[in-house]
Amino acid sequence: MGSLISVIIPTYNRVYTIKRAINSVINQTYKNLEIIVVDDGSCDNTRDIVNKIGDSRIKYLIHYKRQGASAARNTGIRASRGRFIAFLDSDDEYLSDKIEKTLEAFKGTS
């Protein structure tokens, strides 16, 4: 198994897109991942959607007072355990081999 990769997903009121974003990480060809969702004070059902996914690699953190996307990313970085960090916006998604290809590119530059 390769290095642990921390994927940080900052979110705010993305109840309609967060599941798709998280699933695009879960469905990666590279599996040694932790998914850190940092909710920046959402007032919709984002938390319920994330908790229903039920993948043990998901860590859900919340800012009870909105601090902005940069602060949410920094919170995710502080909570991460991975050798590498990747960011994904909560209204976006990864292609299934994105992390694998990125790691191959890193190996090719060393």
C-alpha atoms as a PDB file:
ATOM      1  CA  MET A   1       0.000   0.000   0.000  1.00  0.00           C
ATOM      2  CA  GLY A   2       1.306   3.444  -0.867  1.00  0.00           C
ATOM      3  CA  SER A   3       1.430   6.665   1.099  1.00  0.00           C
ATOM      4  CA  LEU A   4      -1.672   7.998   2.827  1.00  0.00           C
ATOM      5  CA  ILE A   5      -3.203  10.875   0.878  1.00  0.00           C
ATOM      6  CA  SER A   6      -5.368  13.445   2.676  1.00  0.00           C
ATOM      7  CA  VAL A   7      -8.116  14.901   0.518  1.00  0.00           C
ATOM      8  CA  ILE A   8      -9.512  18.079   2.034  1.00  0.00           C
ATOM      9  CA  ILE A   9     -12.977  19.210   0.981  1.00  0.00           C
ATOM     10  CA  PRO A  10     -14.052  22.597   2.368  1.00  0.00           C
ATOM     11  CA  THR A  11     -17.795  23.095   2.124  1.00  0.00           C
ATOM     12  CA  TYR A  12     -20.550  25.594   2.843  1.00  0.00           C
ATOM     13  CA  ASN A  13     -24.222  24.876   2.113  1.00  0.00           C
ATOM     14  CA  ARG A  14     -23.480  22.304  -0.600  1.00  0.00           C
ATOM     15  CA  VAL A  15     -26.197  19.777   0.216  1.00  0.00           C
ATOM     16  CA  TYR A  16     -26.793  19.158  -3.503  1.00  0.00           C
ATOM     17  CA  THR A  17     -23.171  18.571  -4.528  1.00  0.00           C
ATOM     18  CA  ILE A  18     -21.197  17.291  -1.529  1.00  0.00           C
ATOM     19  CA  LYS A  19     -22.150  13.640  -1.997  1.00  0.00           C
ATOM     20  CA  ARG A  20     -20.935  13.634  -5.607  1.00  0.00           C
ATOM     21  CA  ALA A  21     -17.646  15.252  -4.565  1.00  0.00           C
ATOM     22  CA  ILE A  22     -17.031  12.750  -1.761  1.00  0.00           C
ATOM     23  CA  ASN A  23     -17.999   9.774  -3.921  1.00  0.00           C
ATOM     24  CA  SER A  24     -15.488  10.871  -6.544  1.00  0.00           C
ATOM     25  CA  VAL A  25     -12.790  10.482  -3.883  1.00  0.00           C
ATOM     26  CA  ILE A  26     -14.168   7.196  -2.535  1.00  0.00           C
ATOM     27  CA  ASN A  27     -14.155   5.785  -6.089  1.00  0.00           C
ATOM     28  CA  GLN A  28     -10.484   6.563  -6.757  1.00  0.00           C
ATOM     29  CA  THR A  29      -8.319   3.783  -8.153  1.00  0.00           C
ATOM     30  CA  TYR A  30      -5.823   4.721  -5.396  1.00  0.00           C
ATOM     31  CA  LYS A  31      -7.399   3.637  -2.106  1.00  0.00           C
ATOM     32  CA  ASN A  32      -5.093   4.735   0.737  1.00  0.00           C
ATOM     33  CA  LEU A  33      -6.998   7.951   1.407  1.00  0.00           C
ATOM     34  CA  GLU A  34      -8.491   9.957   4.193  1.00  0.00           C
ATOM     35  CA  ILE A  35     -11.265  12.385   3.320  1.00  0.00           C
ATOM     36  CA  ILE A  36     -11.483  15.464   5.505  1.00  0.00           C
ATOM     37  CA  VAL A  37     -14.683  17.435   5.010  1.00  0.00           C
ATOM     38  CA  VAL A  38     -14.539  20.828   6.702  1.00  0.00           C
ATOM     39  CA  ASP A  39     -17.980  22.381   6.979  1.00  0.00           C
ATOM     40  CA  ASP A  40     -17.614  26.147   7.243  1.00  0.00           C
ATOM     41  CA  GLY A  41     -20.848  26.778   9.151  1.00  0.00           C
ATOM     42  CA  SER A  42     -23.458  25.373   6.772  1.00  0.00           C
ATOM     43  CA  CYS A  43     -27.090  25.960   7.678  1.00  0.00           C
ATOM     44  CA  ASP A  44     -28.481  23.290   5.342  1.00  0.00           C
ATOM     45  CA  ASN A  45     -28.368  19.483   5.672  1.00  0.00           C
ATOM     46  CA  THR A  46     -24.749  19.082   4.545  1.00  0.00           C
ATOM     47  CA  ARG A  47     -23.842  17.269   7.779  1.00  0.00           C
ATOM     48  CA  ASP A  48     -26.658  14.715   7.322  1.00  0.00           C
ATOM     49  CA  ILE A  49     -25.599  13.972   3.740  1.00  0.00           C
ATOM     50  CA  VAL A  50     -21.960  13.441   4.742  1.00  0.00           C
ATOM     51  CA  ASN A  51     -22.849  11.248   7.728  1.00  0.00           C
ATOM     52  CA  LYS A  52     -25.098   9.023   5.589  1.00  0.00           C
ATOM     53  CA  ILE A  53     -22.222   8.119   3.254  1.00  0.00           C
ATOM     54  CA  GLY A  54     -20.791   5.822   5.916  1.00  0.00           C
ATOM     55  CA  ASP A  55     -17.170   5.469   4.778  1.00  0.00           C
ATOM     56  CA  SER A  56     -14.729   5.106   7.667  1.00  0.00           C
ATOM     57  CA  ARG A  57     -12.148   7.213   5.801  1.00  0.00           C
ATOM     58  CA  ILE A  58     -14.324  10.329   6.136  1.00  0.00           C
ATOM     59  CA  LYS A  59     -13.538  12.786   8.913  1.00  0.00           C
ATOM     60  CA  TYR A  60     -16.164  15.519   9.315  1.00  0.00           C
ATOM     61  CA  LEU A  61     -15.093  18.768  10.976  1.00  0.00           C
ATOM     62  CA  ILE A  62     -17.216  21.863  11.467  1.00  0.00           C
ATOM     63  CA  HIS A  63     -16.689  25.567  11.991  1.00  0.00           C
ATOM     64  CA  TYR A  64     -19.662  26.781  13.999  1.00  0.00           C
ATOM     65  CA  LYS A  65     -18.924  30.339  12.882  1.00  0.00           C
ATOM     66  CA  ARG A  66     -18.195  30.876   9.195  1.00  0.00           C
ATOM     67  CA  GLN A  67     -14.507  31.619   8.559  1.00  0.00           C
ATOM     68  CA  GLY A  68     -14.146  31.240   4.801  1.00  0.00           C
ATOM     69  CA  ALA A  69     -12.749  28.607   2.441  1.00  0.00           C
ATOM     70  CA  SER A  70      -9.087  29.347   3.236  1.00  0.00           C
ATOM     71  CA  ALA A  71      -9.649  28.838   6.964  1.00  0.00           C
ATOM     72  CA  ALA A  72     -11.542  25.608   6.213  1.00  0.00           C
ATOM     73  CA  ARG A  73      -8.611  24.358   4.127  1.00  0.00           C
ATOM     74  CA  ASN A  74      -6.194  25.232   6.946  1.00  0.00           C
ATOM     75  CA  THR A  75      -8.375  23.354   9.447  1.00  0.00           C
ATOM     76  CA  GLY A  76      -8.240  20.341   7.134  1.00  0.00           C
ATOM     77  CA  ILE A  77      -4.461  20.576   6.823  1.00  0.00           C
ATOM     78  CA  ARG A  78      -4.060  20.629  10.610  1.00  0.00           C
ATOM     79  CA  ALA A  79      -6.270  17.517  10.919  1.00  0.00           C
ATOM     80  CA  SER A  80      -4.558  15.610   8.108  1.00  0.00           C
ATOM     81  CA  ARG A  81      -2.295  12.608   8.619  1.00  0.00           C
ATOM     82  CA  GLY A  82      -1.314  11.997   5.004  1.00  0.00           C
ATOM     83  CA  ARG A  83       2.066  12.306   3.369  1.00  0.00           C
ATOM     84  CA  PHE A  84       0.435  14.371   0.617  1.00  0.00           C
ATOM     85  CA  ILE A  85      -2.534  16.728   0.666  1.00  0.00           C
ATOM     86  CA  ALA A  86      -5.029  17.205  -2.135  1.00  0.00           C
ATOM     87  CA  PHE A  87      -7.853  19.733  -2.272  1.00  0.00           C
ATOM     88  CA  LEU A  88     -11.280  19.281  -3.809  1.00  0.00           C
ATOM     89  CA  ASP A  89     -14.008  21.905  -3.868  1.00  0.00           C
ATOM     90  CA  SER A  90     -17.359  20.589  -2.678  1.00  0.00           C
ATOM     91  CA  ASP A  91     -19.059  21.435  -5.981  1.00  0.00           C
ATOM     92  CA  ASP A  92     -16.448  19.605  -8.062  1.00  0.00           C
ATOM     93  CA  GLU A  93     -15.330  16.011  -8.575  1.00  0.00           C
ATOM     94  CA  TYR A  94     -12.219  14.006  -9.415  1.00  0.00           C
ATOM     95  CA  LEU A  95     -11.854  11.640 -12.351  1.00  0.00           C
ATOM     96  CA  SER A  96     -11.420   8.118 -10.977  1.00  0.00           C
ATOM     97  CA  ASP A  97      -7.645   7.958 -11.551  1.00  0.00           C
ATOM     98  CA  LYS A  98      -6.761  11.531 -10.586  1.00  0.00           C
ATOM     99  CA  ILE A  99      -4.813  10.693  -7.417  1.00  0.00           C
ATOM    100  CA  GLU A 100      -3.048   7.701  -8.962  1.00  0.00           C
ATOM    101  CA  LYS A 101      -1.908   9.810 -11.949  1.00  0.00           C
ATOM    102  CA  THR A 102      -0.801  12.662  -9.686  1.00  0.00           C
ATOM    103  CA  LEU A 103       1.318  10.284  -7.580  1.00  0.00           C
ATOM    104  CA  GLU A 104       2.867   8.836 -10.753  1.00  0.00           C
ATOM    105  CA  ALA A 105       3.782  12.357 -11.830  1.00  0.00           C
ATOM    106  CA  PHE A 106       5.440  13.001  -8.442  1.00  0.00           C
ATOM    107  CA  LYS A 107       7.454   9.785  -8.739  1.00  0.00           C
ATOM    108  CA  GLY A 108       8.581  10.796 -12.204  1.00  0.00           C
ATOM    109  CA  THR A 109      10.090  14.039 -10.914  1.00  0.00           C
ATOM    110  CA  SER A 110      12.213  12.512  -8.148  1.00  0.00           C
END
